[in-house]
Amino acid sequence: MKDVSQLRELSMEELLQKERDLRQELFNFKFQHSIHQLEDVSKIRQVRRRIARVKTIIREKELAAV
């Protein structure tokens, strides 16, 4: 995962795409967990935190544009 400074360098479209990708990854992990195929359940928490980071940066950019 990119660190926060690298995420801040991305454009708004790239950030939105990153959020969509992470949400898809979260869905896949939750599905794997439900059918007992996910070995490391901490991955769910990690992805949720990455989504939160991306959403925070998106919001920062929205407020900076105003």
Protein backbone atom coordinates (compact mmCIF):
# COMPACT_ATOMS: atom_id res chain seq x y z
CA MET A 1 0.00 0.00 0.00
CA LYS A 2 1.17 3.47 -0.81
CA ASP A 3 1.90 5.69 2.09
CA VAL A 4 -0.18 8.80 2.70
CA SER A 5 2.18 11.21 0.94
CA GLN A 6 1.99 9.12 -2.24
CA LEU A 7 -1.80 8.99 -2.01
CA ARG A 8 -1.95 12.77 -1.73
CA GLU A 9 -0.12 13.06 -5.05
CA LEU A 10 -2.86 11.15 -6.90
CA SER A 11 -5.57 12.95 -8.83
CA MET A 12 -9.19 12.89 -7.69
CA GLU A 13 -10.11 10.33 -10.37
CA GLU A 14 -7.26 8.05 -9.32
CA LEU A 15 -8.33 8.32 -5.67
CA LEU A 16 -11.92 7.46 -6.53
CA GLN A 17 -10.72 4.47 -8.55
CA LYS A 18 -8.50 3.39 -5.66
CA GLU A 19 -11.51 3.55 -3.32
CA ARG A 20 -13.57 1.40 -5.70
CA ASP A 21 -10.75 -1.14 -5.94
CA LEU A 22 -10.37 -1.29 -2.16
CA ARG A 23 -14.12 -1.73 -1.68
CA GLN A 24 -14.06 -4.64 -4.14
CA GLU A 25 -11.11 -6.14 -2.26
CA LEU A 26 -13.01 -5.75 1.02
CA PHE A 27 -16.05 -7.48 -0.48
CA ASN A 28 -13.86 -10.37 -1.63
CA PHE A 29 -12.23 -10.73 1.78
CA LYS A 30 -15.61 -10.70 3.53
CA PHE A 31 -16.89 -13.33 1.14
CA GLN A 32 -13.83 -15.51 1.67
CA HIS A 33 -14.24 -15.10 5.42
CA SER A 34 -17.88 -16.17 5.27
CA ILE A 35 -16.99 -19.42 3.51
CA HIS A 36 -13.98 -20.00 5.78
CA GLN A 37 -11.32 -19.57 3.10
CA LEU A 38 -9.68 -16.45 4.51
CA GLU A 39 -6.67 -17.42 6.60
CA ASP A 40 -5.70 -13.97 7.87
CA VAL A 41 -8.83 -12.11 8.99
CA SER A 42 -6.76 -9.04 9.88
CA LYS A 43 -6.71 -8.27 6.15
CA ILE A 44 -10.31 -7.07 6.47
CA ARG A 45 -9.30 -4.52 9.08
CA GLN A 46 -6.30 -3.39 7.01
CA VAL A 47 -8.44 -2.79 3.93
CA ARG A 48 -11.05 -0.89 5.94
CA ARG A 49 -8.32 1.41 7.24
CA ARG A 50 -6.93 1.94 3.75
CA ILE A 51 -10.42 2.89 2.55
CA ALA A 52 -10.67 5.39 5.42
CA ARG A 53 -7.30 6.92 4.48
CA VAL A 54 -8.33 7.32 0.86
CA LYS A 55 -11.69 8.82 1.82
CA THR A 56 -9.96 11.27 4.15
CA ILE A 57 -7.65 12.45 1.38
CA ILE A 58 -10.60 12.76 -1.02
CA ARG A 59 -12.38 14.95 1.51
CA GLU A 60 -9.26 17.08 2.04
CA LYS A 61 -9.05 17.67 -1.71
CA GLU A 62 -12.76 18.56 -1.87
CA LEU A 63 -12.36 21.14 0.87
CA ALA A 64 -9.20 22.55 -0.71
CA ALA A 65 -11.03 23.01 -4.01
CA VAL A 66 -13.71 25.16 -2.37
